[in-house]
Amino acid sequence: MRIFVTGGTGFLGHELLKALKERRHALTALIRMPEAAATLPAGVQPVVGAIERPETYRAALPGQDAVVHAAALVKMWARDRSEFDRVNVGGTERLVRAAADAKVSKVVYTSSFIALGPSNGRPLREDDPRRTPEAHNDYERTKVKADETARRLIAEGHPLYVLYPGVIYGPGNLTDGNLVARNIIPVLNGTMPFGMSLLAWSYAYIDDVVAGFVKVVEETPPSRRYILGGDNRTGSEFYAALEAASGRKPPRFNIPLGLASAAGYGEILLARLFGRPPRMLTHEVVRIYRKAWTYDSARAAAEIGYTITPLEEGLRRLVEWLRRTRKVR
């Protein structure tokens, strides 16, 4: 197949490019900066452009068999909030419509568990309504809007599939999308004296998520929307699994969420004053930590053979990779 991929320099996108290349597909990747071409797997054709500007990539779409849209603005904060809307919402609709103009027969859109909202009870399924009307930050707000846009485009007849990964973790690029790896590196290196009080999250190992994407790209599954979730575990279970995988005890105490929220407000103030991104977290991120985010992947398991790696095994592989690449001692 000939496949056009956005977001190929991100955590998920890069691993997906590698998997599709191994399966001998002809790949084109949209990149924002020319120097990013050096980070792509060998043989991937780069196109320099921006997802919110179809004129920069429209010429690359005719003749493609599929488009995989994995690009997004994944940040805690941006000085210009409308940037989230331009990239995550407007960029998604413009890409789908540009693909339709080019007669591409399939578009696979990477949504997120966060678009479905917190569970705070029974794990959410694809057709469940959101259980809270609020969005905790601009990333979640625009992923919700983009999901609403995607559902509307499906209703209009576009050949669009929407995939909702859980909290993806595992070896790979240490971008903002690889949140688990980025957070455990200071813990394993002994530079993080405290942990966060977590409720239940859905930890999706990268290889499982990539395999789910490949299945949807290569085949014609019966549904248009699939949760690619993971092992639903509490915070204490996560830290116990990390200790088993690494042999290192987790932080002795969790920072109180009220204190973390106050520090987050301070980070936002510094960001607004000096224009630098928050370095640790924001009060909006703390609001996310106050909720449970668990999901049911039964539809994906039944229809595309999706499997879930247990958290203990996934963390063992991740810790081994971090040590092999000398990111942790």
Protein backbone atom coordinates (compact mmCIF):
# COMPACT_ATOMS: atom_id res chain seq x y z
CA MET A 1 0.00 0.00 0.00
CA ARG A 2 0.95 3.64 -0.44
CA ILE A 3 0.37 5.41 2.88
CA PHE A 4 0.63 9.08 3.85
CA VAL A 5 1.42 9.56 7.56
CA THR A 6 1.27 12.68 9.70
CA GLY A 7 2.96 12.91 13.09
CA GLY A 8 5.72 10.51 12.10
CA THR A 9 8.30 12.18 14.35
CA GLY A 10 6.18 11.64 17.47
CA PHE A 11 6.26 8.65 19.79
CA LEU A 12 3.38 6.67 18.27
CA GLY A 13 3.86 7.96 14.71
CA HIS A 14 7.53 6.98 14.56
CA GLU A 15 6.87 3.45 15.84
CA LEU A 16 4.00 3.12 13.37
CA LEU A 17 6.24 4.20 10.49
CA LYS A 18 8.78 1.54 11.49
CA ALA A 19 6.12 -1.16 11.63
CA LEU A 20 4.58 -0.20 8.28
CA LYS A 21 8.03 -0.03 6.67
CA GLU A 22 8.83 -3.53 7.92
CA ARG A 23 5.65 -4.68 6.17
CA ARG A 24 6.96 -3.19 2.90
CA HIS A 25 4.46 -0.38 2.47
CA ALA A 26 5.50 2.72 0.51
CA LEU A 27 5.45 5.58 3.01
CA THR A 28 5.28 9.36 2.82
CA ALA A 29 5.55 11.38 6.03
CA LEU A 30 4.51 14.98 6.65
CA ILE A 31 7.14 16.87 8.67
CA ARG A 32 7.16 20.49 9.84
CA MET A 33 10.88 21.16 9.49
CA PRO A 34 13.29 19.84 6.80
CA GLU A 35 15.81 18.67 9.42
CA ALA A 36 13.19 16.29 10.83
CA ALA A 37 13.66 14.11 7.74
CA ALA A 38 16.84 12.73 9.32
CA THR A 39 14.78 11.19 12.13
CA LEU A 40 12.47 9.22 9.84
CA PRO A 41 13.06 5.51 9.16
CA ALA A 42 15.11 4.84 6.05
CA GLY A 43 13.11 4.87 2.84
CA VAL A 44 10.29 7.11 4.09
CA GLN A 45 9.64 10.00 1.70
CA PRO A 46 9.36 13.33 3.58
CA VAL A 47 7.01 16.17 2.68
CA VAL A 48 7.61 19.47 4.49
CA GLY A 49 4.39 21.14 5.55
CA ALA A 50 1.83 21.65 8.30
CA ILE A 51 -1.36 19.75 8.97
CA GLU A 52 -3.36 22.97 9.28
CA ARG A 53 -2.15 24.13 5.83
CA PRO A 54 -3.38 21.66 3.18
CA GLU A 55 -1.64 23.59 0.41
CA THR A 56 1.67 22.30 1.80
CA TYR A 57 0.84 18.61 1.36
CA ARG A 58 -2.13 18.37 -1.02
CA ALA A 59 0.07 17.37 -3.97
CA ALA A 60 1.31 14.30 -2.09
CA LEU A 61 -2.16 12.78 -1.58
CA PRO A 62 -3.24 11.60 -5.08
CA GLY A 63 -2.38 7.94 -5.52
CA GLN A 64 -2.21 7.19 -1.79
CA ASP A 65 -4.18 4.16 -0.60
CA ALA A 66 -4.52 5.41 2.96
CA VAL A 67 -3.81 8.37 5.21
CA VAL A 68 -2.83 7.86 8.84
CA HIS A 69 -3.26 11.03 10.87
CA ALA A 70 -1.16 10.87 14.04
CA ALA A 71 -0.17 14.55 14.28
CA ALA A 72 -1.46 16.69 17.13
CA LEU A 73 -0.43 19.56 19.33
CA VAL A 74 0.37 17.71 22.56
CA LYS A 75 1.35 20.30 25.15
CA MET A 76 0.36 21.36 28.65
CA TRP A 77 0.24 25.00 27.55
CA ALA A 78 0.64 27.33 24.60
CA ARG A 79 0.79 31.11 24.75
CA ASP A 80 -1.71 31.26 21.89
CA ARG A 81 -4.55 28.91 22.88
CA SER A 82 -6.01 29.02 19.37
CA GLU A 83 -3.00 27.02 18.18
CA PHE A 84 -4.63 23.95 19.70
CA ASP A 85 -7.78 24.60 17.67
CA ARG A 86 -5.90 25.23 14.42
CA VAL A 87 -3.88 22.02 14.66
CA ASN A 88 -6.06 19.51 16.51
CA VAL A 89 -9.48 20.49 15.16
CA GLY A 90 -9.04 22.48 11.97
CA GLY A 91 -6.05 20.45 10.82
CA THR A 92 -7.94 17.18 11.21
CA GLU A 93 -10.96 18.30 9.16
CA ARG A 94 -8.79 19.88 6.45
CA LEU A 95 -6.77 16.69 6.08
CA VAL A 96 -9.86 14.47 5.80
CA ARG A 97 -11.40 16.74 3.17
CA ALA A 98 -8.11 17.01 1.25
CA ALA A 99 -7.88 13.20 1.25
CA ALA A 100 -11.44 13.00 -0.09
CA ASP A 101 -10.57 15.44 -2.88
CA ALA A 102 -7.62 13.19 -3.76
CA LYS A 103 -9.89 10.10 -3.68
CA VAL A 104 -7.94 8.38 -0.91
CA SER A 105 -9.98 5.35 0.10
CA LYS A 106 -9.20 5.31 3.85
CA VAL A 107 -8.23 7.78 6.58
CA VAL A 108 -7.22 6.54 10.04
CA TYR A 109 -7.38 9.29 12.66
CA THR A 110 -5.54 9.08 15.98
CA SER A 111 -7.82 10.41 18.67
CA SER A 112 -7.09 9.79 22.36
CA PHE A 113 -8.62 8.33 25.49
CA ILE A 114 -8.85 11.90 26.73
CA ALA A 115 -11.42 12.70 24.02
CA LEU A 116 -13.77 10.16 25.61
CA GLY A 117 -13.40 11.75 29.02
CA PRO A 118 -12.71 10.34 32.49
CA SER A 119 -14.41 7.12 33.46
CA ASN A 120 -14.81 7.50 37.24
CA GLY A 121 -16.56 4.17 37.37
CA ARG A 122 -17.09 1.39 34.84
CA PRO A 123 -14.48 1.56 32.05
CA LEU A 124 -15.80 3.58 29.12
CA ARG A 125 -16.69 2.03 25.76
CA GLU A 126 -16.79 3.65 22.33
CA ASP A 127 -20.49 4.52 22.34
CA ASP A 128 -20.72 5.73 25.94
CA PRO A 129 -21.42 9.45 26.38
CA ARG A 130 -18.88 11.59 28.18
CA ARG A 131 -19.52 11.49 31.90
CA THR A 132 -18.42 15.06 32.51
CA PRO A 133 -19.04 18.16 30.38
CA GLU A 134 -15.78 19.83 31.40
CA ALA A 135 -12.44 19.66 29.66
CA HIS A 136 -9.42 19.93 31.90
CA ASN A 137 -7.06 21.74 29.51
CA ASP A 138 -6.83 22.97 25.93
CA TYR A 139 -5.44 19.68 24.66
CA GLU A 140 -8.42 17.75 25.98
CA ARG A 141 -10.86 20.45 24.88
CA THR A 142 -9.64 20.34 21.29
CA LYS A 143 -9.37 16.56 21.16
CA VAL A 144 -13.03 16.43 22.20
CA LYS A 145 -13.91 18.90 19.43
CA ALA A 146 -11.82 16.97 16.91
CA ASP A 147 -13.60 13.75 17.90
CA GLU A 148 -16.96 15.43 17.37
CA THR A 149 -15.71 16.60 13.98
CA ALA A 150 -14.56 13.10 13.07
CA ARG A 151 -17.93 11.59 13.98
CA ARG A 152 -19.65 14.20 11.83
CA LEU A 153 -17.35 13.41 8.90
CA ILE A 154 -18.13 9.70 9.26
CA ALA A 155 -21.84 10.54 9.17
CA GLU A 156 -21.21 12.54 5.99
CA GLY A 157 -19.84 9.39 4.37
CA HIS A 158 -16.08 9.87 4.62
CA PRO A 159 -14.06 6.61 4.80
CA LEU A 160 -12.74 7.56 8.23
CA TYR A 161 -11.68 5.33 11.12
CA VAL A 162 -11.11 6.77 14.60
CA LEU A 163 -8.76 5.05 17.06
CA TYR A 164 -8.53 5.95 20.75
CA PRO A 165 -5.25 4.82 22.33
CA GLY A 166 -4.95 4.69 26.10
CA VAL A 167 -1.92 6.02 27.98
CA ILE A 168 0.70 4.78 25.54
CA TYR A 169 4.03 3.72 27.03
CA GLY A 170 7.11 1.79 25.98
CA PRO A 171 10.43 2.23 24.17
CA GLY A 172 10.57 5.02 21.61
CA ASN A 173 10.90 8.76 21.08
CA LEU A 174 10.78 10.65 24.37
CA THR A 175 8.27 13.22 23.16
CA ASP A 176 5.42 14.64 25.23
CA GLY A 177 3.36 11.69 24.01
CA ASN A 178 5.67 9.26 25.83
CA LEU A 179 4.50 10.52 29.19
CA VAL A 180 5.14 7.37 31.23
CA ALA A 181 8.77 7.01 30.16
CA ARG A 182 9.47 10.70 30.69
CA ASN A 183 7.96 10.55 34.17
CA ILE A 184 9.70 7.39 35.39
CA ILE A 185 13.20 8.36 34.23
CA PRO A 186 13.77 10.79 37.15
CA VAL A 187 12.13 8.30 39.52
CA LEU A 188 14.52 5.52 38.48
CA ASN A 189 17.49 7.87 38.52
CA GLY A 190 16.67 8.96 42.07
CA THR A 191 16.17 12.61 41.15
CA MET A 192 12.43 12.67 41.85
CA PRO A 193 11.83 12.56 45.63
CA PHE A 194 8.06 12.29 45.45
CA GLY A 195 5.37 10.65 43.33
CA MET A 196 1.89 11.66 42.20
CA SER A 197 -1.30 10.34 43.70
CA LEU A 198 -2.86 8.52 40.73
CA LEU A 199 -6.29 7.00 40.34
CA ALA A 200 -6.83 4.25 37.76
CA TRP A 201 -5.39 4.72 34.25
CA SER A 202 -5.41 2.57 31.12
CA TYR A 203 -1.78 1.73 30.27
CA ALA A 204 -1.46 0.72 26.60
CA TYR A 205 1.88 -0.78 25.52
CA ILE A 206 3.21 0.76 22.31
CA ASP A 207 3.51 -2.52 20.39
CA ASP A 208 -0.14 -3.37 21.06
CA VAL A 209 -1.32 0.04 19.85
CA VAL A 210 0.84 -0.10 16.71
CA ALA A 211 -0.49 -3.58 15.90
CA GLY A 212 -4.04 -2.25 16.22
CA PHE A 213 -3.29 0.59 13.82
CA VAL A 214 -1.68 -1.75 11.29
CA LYS A 215 -4.74 -3.98 11.38
CA VAL A 216 -7.10 -1.10 10.66
CA VAL A 217 -4.84 0.31 7.91
CA GLU A 218 -4.41 -2.99 6.09
CA GLU A 219 -7.89 -4.45 6.48
CA THR A 220 -11.52 -3.28 6.45
CA PRO A 221 -12.85 -3.81 9.97
CA PRO A 222 -16.61 -3.62 10.54
CA SER A 223 -16.69 -0.67 12.96
CA ARG A 224 -15.38 2.85 12.47
CA ARG A 225 -14.29 3.61 16.02
CA TYR A 226 -12.05 1.50 18.26
CA ILE A 227 -10.60 2.00 21.72
CA LEU A 228 -7.02 0.71 21.81
CA GLY A 229 -6.82 0.78 25.58
CA GLY A 230 -4.59 -1.08 27.96
CA ASP A 231 -4.22 -2.55 31.40
CA ASN A 232 -6.49 -0.59 33.75
CA ARG A 233 -4.47 -0.11 36.95
CA THR A 234 -4.52 2.08 40.03
CA GLY A 235 -1.64 4.32 41.00
CA SER A 236 -0.47 1.96 43.76
CA GLU A 237 -0.55 -0.93 41.30
CA PHE A 238 1.50 1.09 38.82
CA TYR A 239 4.21 1.88 41.36
CA ALA A 240 4.26 -1.76 42.54
CA ALA A 241 4.70 -2.92 38.94
CA LEU A 242 7.47 -0.36 38.40
CA GLU A 243 9.29 -1.59 41.50
CA ALA A 244 9.00 -5.19 40.29
CA ALA A 245 10.31 -4.22 36.85
CA SER A 246 13.21 -2.08 38.08
CA GLY A 247 14.11 -3.39 41.52
CA ARG A 248 13.89 0.17 42.82
CA LYS A 249 11.45 1.39 45.40
CA PRO A 250 9.06 4.15 44.32
CA PRO A 251 9.12 7.56 46.02
CA ARG A 252 8.28 7.35 49.70
CA PHE A 253 5.40 9.79 49.52
CA ASN A 254 3.06 11.39 46.98
CA ILE A 255 2.87 15.14 46.74
CA PRO A 256 -0.55 16.34 47.93
CA LEU A 257 -2.63 17.32 44.92
CA GLY A 258 -3.49 20.67 46.48
CA LEU A 259 0.20 21.51 46.74
CA ALA A 260 0.80 20.24 43.20
CA SER A 261 -2.04 22.44 41.95
CA ALA A 262 -0.56 25.51 43.66
CA ALA A 263 2.81 24.75 42.04
CA GLY A 264 1.01 24.34 38.72
CA TYR A 265 -0.52 27.80 39.01
CA GLY A 266 2.98 29.12 39.63
CA GLU A 267 4.25 27.39 36.49
CA ILE A 268 1.50 28.99 34.41
CA LEU A 269 2.33 32.41 35.84
CA LEU A 270 6.00 31.99 34.93
CA ALA A 271 5.02 30.77 31.46
CA ARG A 272 2.90 33.85 30.86
CA LEU A 273 5.55 36.20 32.21
CA PHE A 274 8.56 34.74 30.42
CA GLY A 275 7.05 32.79 27.51
CA ARG A 276 8.67 29.50 28.45
CA PRO A 277 6.59 26.31 28.68
CA PRO A 278 5.78 24.89 32.13
CA ARG A 279 8.59 22.61 33.27
CA MET A 280 6.75 20.15 35.50
CA LEU A 281 2.98 20.42 35.42
CA THR A 282 0.11 22.88 35.53
CA HIS A 283 -2.95 23.14 37.72
CA GLU A 284 -4.92 21.82 34.73
CA VAL A 285 -2.80 18.66 34.61
CA VAL A 286 -3.44 18.17 38.33
CA ARG A 287 -7.16 18.27 37.58
CA ILE A 288 -6.60 15.35 35.21
CA TYR A 289 -4.81 13.42 37.97
CA ARG A 290 -7.87 13.80 40.18
CA LYS A 291 -9.92 11.62 37.81
CA ALA A 292 -9.89 7.95 36.77
CA TRP A 293 -9.31 7.16 33.08
CA THR A 294 -10.13 3.52 32.33
CA TYR A 295 -11.45 2.04 29.09
CA ASP A 296 -12.91 -1.15 27.63
CA SER A 297 -11.18 -2.50 24.49
CA ALA A 298 -13.57 -5.42 23.98
CA ARG A 299 -14.72 -4.20 20.56
CA ALA A 300 -11.15 -3.96 19.27
CA ALA A 301 -10.32 -7.37 20.74
CA ALA A 302 -13.31 -9.00 19.05
CA GLU A 303 -13.10 -7.27 15.66
CA ILE A 304 -9.41 -6.60 15.01
CA GLY A 305 -7.71 -9.07 17.36
CA TYR A 306 -6.39 -6.37 19.69
CA THR A 307 -4.34 -7.66 22.63
CA ILE A 308 -3.21 -6.00 25.85
CA THR A 309 0.23 -6.50 27.36
CA PRO A 310 0.07 -6.73 31.17
CA LEU A 311 1.54 -3.66 32.86
CA GLU A 312 4.25 -5.67 34.63
CA GLU A 313 5.56 -7.05 31.34
CA GLY A 314 5.34 -3.74 29.52
CA LEU A 315 7.21 -1.88 32.26
CA ARG A 316 9.86 -4.61 32.35
CA ARG A 317 10.51 -4.10 28.63
CA LEU A 318 10.52 -0.33 29.03
CA VAL A 319 12.96 -0.37 31.95
CA GLU A 320 15.28 -2.74 30.06
CA TRP A 321 15.28 -0.35 27.10
CA LEU A 322 15.90 2.69 29.28
CA ARG A 323 18.89 0.96 30.85
CA ARG A 324 20.21 -0.35 27.53
CA THR A 325 20.08 3.16 26.06
CA ARG A 326 21.60 4.61 29.28
CA LYS A 327 18.69 6.87 30.00
CA VAL A 328 18.54 5.44 33.50
CA ARG A 329 21.31 4.03 35.65
